[in-house]
N, C-alpha and C. Protein backbone atom coordinates (compact mmCIF):
# COMPACT_ATOMS: atom_id res chain seq x y z
N MET A 1 -25.14 37.00 -16.03
CA MET A 1 -26.31 37.30 -16.77
C MET A 1 -26.57 36.18 -17.79
N PHE A 2 -25.80 36.16 -18.88
CA PHE A 2 -25.93 35.09 -19.84
C PHE A 2 -24.83 34.06 -19.57
N ARG A 3 -25.23 32.81 -19.54
CA ARG A 3 -24.26 31.75 -19.27
C ARG A 3 -24.07 30.91 -20.53
N ASN A 4 -22.86 30.49 -20.73
CA ASN A 4 -22.53 29.66 -21.87
C ASN A 4 -22.54 28.21 -21.40
N PRO A 5 -23.51 27.37 -21.79
CA PRO A 5 -23.56 25.99 -21.32
C PRO A 5 -22.36 25.16 -21.77
N GLN A 6 -21.79 25.48 -22.93
CA GLN A 6 -20.63 24.73 -23.39
C GLN A 6 -19.42 25.02 -22.51
N ALA A 7 -19.27 26.24 -22.07
CA ALA A 7 -18.15 26.59 -21.19
C ALA A 7 -18.31 25.92 -19.84
N ASP A 8 -19.53 25.81 -19.34
CA ASP A 8 -19.78 25.13 -18.07
C ASP A 8 -19.43 23.65 -18.17
N GLU A 9 -19.80 23.02 -19.28
CA GLU A 9 -19.49 21.61 -19.48
C GLU A 9 -17.99 21.39 -19.59
N ALA A 10 -17.30 22.28 -20.28
CA ALA A 10 -15.85 22.15 -20.43
C ALA A 10 -15.16 22.33 -19.09
N THR A 11 -15.64 23.26 -18.29
CA THR A 11 -15.04 23.49 -16.98
C THR A 11 -15.26 22.30 -16.07
N SER A 12 -16.46 21.72 -16.07
CA SER A 12 -16.72 20.57 -15.21
C SER A 12 -15.95 19.34 -15.69
N ALA A 13 -15.80 19.20 -17.02
CA ALA A 13 -15.02 18.07 -17.53
C ALA A 13 -13.55 18.22 -17.16
N HIS A 14 -13.04 19.45 -17.20
CA HIS A 14 -11.65 19.69 -16.83
C HIS A 14 -11.44 19.41 -15.34
N ALA A 15 -12.38 19.80 -14.51
CA ALA A 15 -12.26 19.54 -13.07
C ALA A 15 -12.31 18.05 -12.78
N ALA A 16 -13.16 17.31 -13.50
CA ALA A 16 -13.25 15.87 -13.30
C ALA A 16 -11.96 15.18 -13.73
N ALA A 17 -11.37 15.63 -14.84
CA ALA A 17 -10.12 15.04 -15.30
C ALA A 17 -8.99 15.35 -14.33
N ALA A 18 -8.99 16.53 -13.76
CA ALA A 18 -7.94 16.89 -12.81
C ALA A 18 -8.06 16.07 -11.54
N SER A 19 -9.27 15.75 -11.12
CA SER A 19 -9.43 14.97 -9.89
C SER A 19 -9.02 13.52 -10.10
N LEU A 20 -9.02 13.03 -11.34
CA LEU A 20 -8.61 11.66 -11.60
C LEU A 20 -7.09 11.49 -11.51
N VAL A 21 -6.35 12.50 -11.87
CA VAL A 21 -4.91 12.38 -11.90
C VAL A 21 -4.22 13.06 -10.71
N ALA A 22 -4.96 13.80 -9.92
CA ALA A 22 -4.37 14.50 -8.78
C ALA A 22 -4.04 13.51 -7.68
N MET A 23 -2.91 13.73 -7.01
CA MET A 23 -2.50 12.86 -5.91
C MET A 23 -2.91 13.50 -4.59
N SER A 24 -3.95 12.96 -3.98
CA SER A 24 -4.36 13.46 -2.68
C SER A 24 -3.47 12.82 -1.61
N VAL A 25 -3.61 13.29 -0.40
CA VAL A 25 -2.81 12.75 0.70
C VAL A 25 -3.15 11.29 0.93
N GLY A 26 -4.42 10.94 0.81
CA GLY A 26 -4.83 9.55 0.99
C GLY A 26 -4.25 8.64 -0.08
N ARG A 27 -4.29 9.10 -1.32
CA ARG A 27 -3.72 8.29 -2.40
C ARG A 27 -2.22 8.13 -2.24
N LEU A 28 -1.55 9.20 -1.84
CA LEU A 28 -0.10 9.14 -1.66
C LEU A 28 0.26 8.21 -0.51
N GLY A 29 -0.46 8.29 0.59
CA GLY A 29 -0.20 7.40 1.72
C GLY A 29 -0.46 5.95 1.38
N ALA A 30 -1.55 5.69 0.65
CA ALA A 30 -1.85 4.32 0.25
C ALA A 30 -0.82 3.78 -0.72
N THR A 31 -0.33 4.62 -1.62
CA THR A 31 0.69 4.19 -2.57
C THR A 31 2.00 3.87 -1.85
N ALA A 32 2.38 4.69 -0.89
CA ALA A 32 3.60 4.43 -0.12
C ALA A 32 3.46 3.16 0.70
N ALA A 33 2.30 2.95 1.30
CA ALA A 33 2.07 1.74 2.09
C ALA A 33 2.09 0.49 1.21
N ALA A 34 1.47 0.57 0.04
CA ALA A 34 1.46 -0.58 -0.87
C ALA A 34 2.87 -0.88 -1.37
N ALA A 35 3.66 0.16 -1.64
CA ALA A 35 5.05 -0.06 -2.07
C ALA A 35 5.85 -0.73 -0.96
N ALA A 36 5.67 -0.29 0.28
CA ALA A 36 6.37 -0.92 1.40
C ALA A 36 5.96 -2.38 1.54
N GLY A 37 4.66 -2.66 1.37
CA GLY A 37 4.19 -4.04 1.45
C GLY A 37 4.75 -4.92 0.35
N LEU A 38 4.81 -4.40 -0.86
CA LEU A 38 5.33 -5.19 -1.98
C LEU A 38 6.83 -5.45 -1.83
N ILE A 39 7.57 -4.45 -1.37
CA ILE A 39 9.00 -4.66 -1.13
C ILE A 39 9.19 -5.68 -0.01
N GLY A 40 8.35 -5.62 1.02
CA GLY A 40 8.40 -6.60 2.09
C GLY A 40 8.12 -8.01 1.60
N ILE A 41 7.16 -8.14 0.68
CA ILE A 41 6.87 -9.46 0.10
C ILE A 41 8.08 -9.98 -0.66
N LEU A 42 8.72 -9.12 -1.44
CA LEU A 42 9.91 -9.55 -2.19
C LEU A 42 11.03 -9.99 -1.26
N LEU A 43 11.29 -9.22 -0.22
CA LEU A 43 12.37 -9.57 0.71
C LEU A 43 12.04 -10.84 1.47
N GLY A 44 10.82 -10.96 1.97
CA GLY A 44 10.43 -12.16 2.70
C GLY A 44 10.42 -13.39 1.83
N GLY A 45 9.95 -13.26 0.60
CA GLY A 45 9.94 -14.39 -0.32
C GLY A 45 11.34 -14.84 -0.72
N ARG A 46 12.22 -13.87 -0.96
CA ARG A 46 13.60 -14.24 -1.29
C ARG A 46 14.30 -14.89 -0.11
N ALA A 47 14.04 -14.38 1.09
CA ALA A 47 14.67 -14.97 2.27
C ALA A 47 14.13 -16.38 2.52
N LEU A 48 12.87 -16.60 2.25
CA LEU A 48 12.29 -17.93 2.43
C LEU A 48 12.79 -18.91 1.39
N ALA A 49 13.06 -18.42 0.17
CA ALA A 49 13.52 -19.29 -0.91
C ALA A 49 14.99 -19.67 -0.75
N ARG A 50 15.76 -18.84 -0.08
CA ARG A 50 17.18 -19.15 0.10
C ARG A 50 17.36 -20.21 1.17
N SER A 51 18.55 -20.73 1.25
CA SER A 51 18.82 -21.77 2.24
C SER A 51 18.71 -21.20 3.66
N ALA A 52 18.45 -22.05 4.59
CA ALA A 52 18.20 -21.64 5.97
C ALA A 52 19.44 -21.01 6.59
N GLY A 53 19.22 -19.92 7.32
CA GLY A 53 20.29 -19.28 8.07
C GLY A 53 21.25 -18.44 7.26
N ARG A 54 20.95 -18.20 6.00
CA ARG A 54 21.89 -17.49 5.14
C ARG A 54 21.84 -15.98 5.33
N SER A 55 20.66 -15.44 5.55
CA SER A 55 20.52 -14.00 5.71
C SER A 55 19.62 -13.73 6.89
N ARG A 56 20.06 -12.86 7.77
CA ARG A 56 19.24 -12.53 8.94
C ARG A 56 18.52 -11.20 8.78
N SER A 57 19.04 -10.32 7.95
CA SER A 57 18.43 -9.00 7.85
C SER A 57 17.23 -8.97 6.92
N ALA A 58 17.19 -9.80 5.89
CA ALA A 58 16.08 -9.77 4.94
C ALA A 58 14.74 -10.16 5.58
N PRO A 59 14.69 -11.24 6.38
CA PRO A 59 13.39 -11.54 7.02
C PRO A 59 12.94 -10.45 7.98
N ARG A 60 13.85 -9.88 8.72
CA ARG A 60 13.49 -8.80 9.65
C ARG A 60 13.00 -7.57 8.89
N THR A 61 13.69 -7.23 7.83
CA THR A 61 13.29 -6.07 7.03
C THR A 61 11.94 -6.32 6.36
N GLY A 62 11.72 -7.52 5.87
CA GLY A 62 10.43 -7.86 5.27
C GLY A 62 9.29 -7.76 6.27
N MET A 63 9.53 -8.27 7.50
CA MET A 63 8.52 -8.18 8.54
C MET A 63 8.26 -6.73 8.92
N ALA A 64 9.31 -5.93 9.05
CA ALA A 64 9.16 -4.52 9.43
C ALA A 64 8.40 -3.74 8.36
N LEU A 65 8.74 -3.97 7.09
CA LEU A 65 8.03 -3.28 6.02
C LEU A 65 6.57 -3.73 5.95
N GLY A 66 6.33 -5.00 6.23
CA GLY A 66 4.96 -5.49 6.26
C GLY A 66 4.14 -4.82 7.36
N LEU A 67 4.73 -4.68 8.53
CA LEU A 67 4.02 -4.02 9.63
C LEU A 67 3.80 -2.53 9.34
N ILE A 68 4.78 -1.90 8.72
CA ILE A 68 4.61 -0.49 8.33
C ILE A 68 3.47 -0.35 7.33
N ALA A 69 3.38 -1.27 6.38
CA ALA A 69 2.31 -1.22 5.38
C ALA A 69 0.94 -1.40 6.03
N VAL A 70 0.85 -2.32 6.99
CA VAL A 70 -0.43 -2.56 7.66
C VAL A 70 -0.85 -1.32 8.46
N VAL A 71 0.08 -0.74 9.20
CA VAL A 71 -0.24 0.43 10.02
C VAL A 71 -0.60 1.63 9.14
N LEU A 72 0.20 1.88 8.12
CA LEU A 72 -0.07 3.03 7.25
C LEU A 72 -1.37 2.85 6.47
N GLY A 73 -1.63 1.64 6.00
CA GLY A 73 -2.89 1.37 5.31
C GLY A 73 -4.09 1.54 6.23
N GLY A 74 -3.97 1.08 7.47
CA GLY A 74 -5.04 1.28 8.44
C GLY A 74 -5.27 2.74 8.76
N LEU A 75 -4.19 3.50 8.81
CA LEU A 75 -4.30 4.93 9.07
C LEU A 75 -5.02 5.65 7.93
N VAL A 76 -4.72 5.25 6.70
CA VAL A 76 -5.38 5.86 5.54
C VAL A 76 -6.88 5.54 5.57
N ILE A 77 -7.22 4.30 5.89
CA ILE A 77 -8.65 3.92 5.96
C ILE A 77 -9.34 4.66 7.09
N ALA A 78 -8.69 4.78 8.23
CA ALA A 78 -9.32 5.42 9.39
C ALA A 78 -9.54 6.92 9.17
N THR A 79 -8.69 7.57 8.40
CA THR A 79 -8.80 9.02 8.25
C THR A 79 -9.46 9.47 6.96
N SER A 80 -9.88 8.54 6.11
CA SER A 80 -10.46 8.94 4.82
C SER A 80 -11.94 9.25 4.97
N ASP A 81 -12.39 10.16 4.11
CA ASP A 81 -13.81 10.51 4.06
C ASP A 81 -14.44 9.74 2.91
N GLY A 82 -15.58 9.16 3.14
CA GLY A 82 -16.27 8.45 2.08
C GLY A 82 -15.79 7.02 1.94
N GLY A 83 -16.28 6.37 0.91
CA GLY A 83 -15.97 4.96 0.69
C GLY A 83 -14.99 4.76 -0.45
N PRO A 84 -14.84 3.53 -0.88
CA PRO A 84 -13.95 3.24 -2.00
C PRO A 84 -14.47 3.90 -3.28
N GLY A 85 -13.56 4.36 -4.09
CA GLY A 85 -13.94 5.01 -5.34
C GLY A 85 -14.12 6.50 -5.22
N THR A 86 -13.88 7.07 -4.04
CA THR A 86 -14.03 8.51 -3.86
C THR A 86 -12.73 9.26 -4.05
N GLY A 87 -11.63 8.55 -4.29
CA GLY A 87 -10.35 9.21 -4.51
C GLY A 87 -9.57 9.46 -3.24
N ASN A 88 -9.95 8.80 -2.15
CA ASN A 88 -9.26 9.00 -0.88
C ASN A 88 -8.22 7.93 -0.59
N GLY A 89 -8.02 6.99 -1.47
CA GLY A 89 -6.97 6.00 -1.30
C GLY A 89 -7.40 4.76 -0.56
N GLN A 90 -8.69 4.53 -0.40
CA GLN A 90 -9.13 3.36 0.35
C GLN A 90 -8.82 2.05 -0.37
N GLY A 91 -8.95 2.03 -1.67
CA GLY A 91 -8.62 0.81 -2.42
C GLY A 91 -7.15 0.45 -2.28
N GLY A 92 -6.29 1.45 -2.41
CA GLY A 92 -4.86 1.22 -2.24
C GLY A 92 -4.51 0.84 -0.81
N ALA A 93 -5.25 1.37 0.15
CA ALA A 93 -4.99 1.04 1.54
C ALA A 93 -5.34 -0.42 1.84
N VAL A 94 -6.41 -0.92 1.23
CA VAL A 94 -6.76 -2.33 1.42
C VAL A 94 -5.69 -3.23 0.79
N VAL A 95 -5.21 -2.85 -0.38
CA VAL A 95 -4.12 -3.61 -1.02
C VAL A 95 -2.87 -3.56 -0.15
N ALA A 96 -2.58 -2.41 0.44
CA ALA A 96 -1.41 -2.27 1.30
C ALA A 96 -1.53 -3.15 2.54
N ILE A 97 -2.71 -3.22 3.13
CA ILE A 97 -2.89 -4.06 4.32
C ILE A 97 -2.70 -5.53 3.96
N MET A 98 -3.27 -5.96 2.86
CA MET A 98 -3.11 -7.37 2.45
C MET A 98 -1.66 -7.68 2.12
N ALA A 99 -0.99 -6.80 1.39
CA ALA A 99 0.43 -7.02 1.07
C ALA A 99 1.27 -7.00 2.33
N GLY A 100 0.95 -6.12 3.28
CA GLY A 100 1.69 -6.07 4.53
C GLY A 100 1.53 -7.34 5.34
N LEU A 101 0.33 -7.89 5.38
CA LEU A 101 0.12 -9.14 6.10
C LEU A 101 0.89 -10.29 5.47
N ILE A 102 0.88 -10.35 4.14
CA ILE A 102 1.63 -11.39 3.43
C ILE A 102 3.13 -11.23 3.69
N ALA A 103 3.63 -10.00 3.64
CA ALA A 103 5.06 -9.76 3.88
C ALA A 103 5.44 -10.15 5.30
N THR A 104 4.59 -9.85 6.26
CA THR A 104 4.88 -10.20 7.65
C THR A 104 4.93 -11.71 7.83
N VAL A 105 3.99 -12.42 7.24
CA VAL A 105 3.98 -13.88 7.36
C VAL A 105 5.20 -14.49 6.67
N LEU A 106 5.53 -14.02 5.48
CA LEU A 106 6.71 -14.55 4.78
C LEU A 106 7.99 -14.28 5.57
N GLY A 107 8.13 -13.08 6.11
CA GLY A 107 9.31 -12.77 6.91
C GLY A 107 9.38 -13.61 8.16
N PHE A 108 8.24 -13.84 8.81
CA PHE A 108 8.22 -14.68 10.00
C PHE A 108 8.59 -16.12 9.67
N LEU A 109 8.05 -16.65 8.57
CA LEU A 109 8.39 -18.02 8.17
C LEU A 109 9.86 -18.16 7.83
N ALA A 110 10.42 -17.17 7.13
CA ALA A 110 11.84 -17.23 6.79
C ALA A 110 12.70 -17.14 8.03
N ARG A 111 12.30 -16.31 8.98
CA ARG A 111 13.08 -16.18 10.21
C ARG A 111 12.98 -17.46 11.04
N ALA A 112 11.78 -18.04 11.11
CA ALA A 112 11.61 -19.27 11.87
C ALA A 112 12.39 -20.41 11.22
N ARG A 113 12.43 -20.43 9.91
CA ARG A 113 13.16 -21.48 9.19
C ARG A 113 14.66 -21.34 9.44
N GLY A 114 15.12 -20.10 9.49
CA GLY A 114 16.55 -19.86 9.75
C GLY A 114 16.97 -20.28 11.14
N ARG A 115 16.06 -20.22 12.10
CA ARG A 115 16.37 -20.63 13.46
C ARG A 115 16.12 -22.10 13.69
N GLY A 116 15.50 -22.76 12.72
CA GLY A 116 15.22 -24.18 12.87
C GLY A 116 13.95 -24.47 13.65
N VAL A 117 13.07 -23.49 13.77
CA VAL A 117 11.83 -23.68 14.52
C VAL A 117 10.77 -24.32 13.66
N ALA A 118 10.63 -23.86 12.43
CA ALA A 118 9.55 -24.38 11.56
C ALA A 118 10.02 -25.57 10.77
């Protein structure tokens, strides 16, 4: 019957604040993919900086984490509704794909350097 406009504004502001901090499935997937990509970059970069042939598992792990980041980021983009800025994790998924590609290249270069190919 009678509506309180101040209560409506408070309720909508509370809902907007909750949507900013809530972790949706898309945001969680993009965050996990970006973390995998960043760890892959660290492993691939460290393996590339070390002397040739010293570690065989770090370049492989960096490449694997990079590929996981690319696939998971692509999955988040493919299954999200709306565009960037809608809270579906598309921005994080793009970061994850880029980090995954960098990690894959660094791991490949470190592995090739260890074998004496590059």
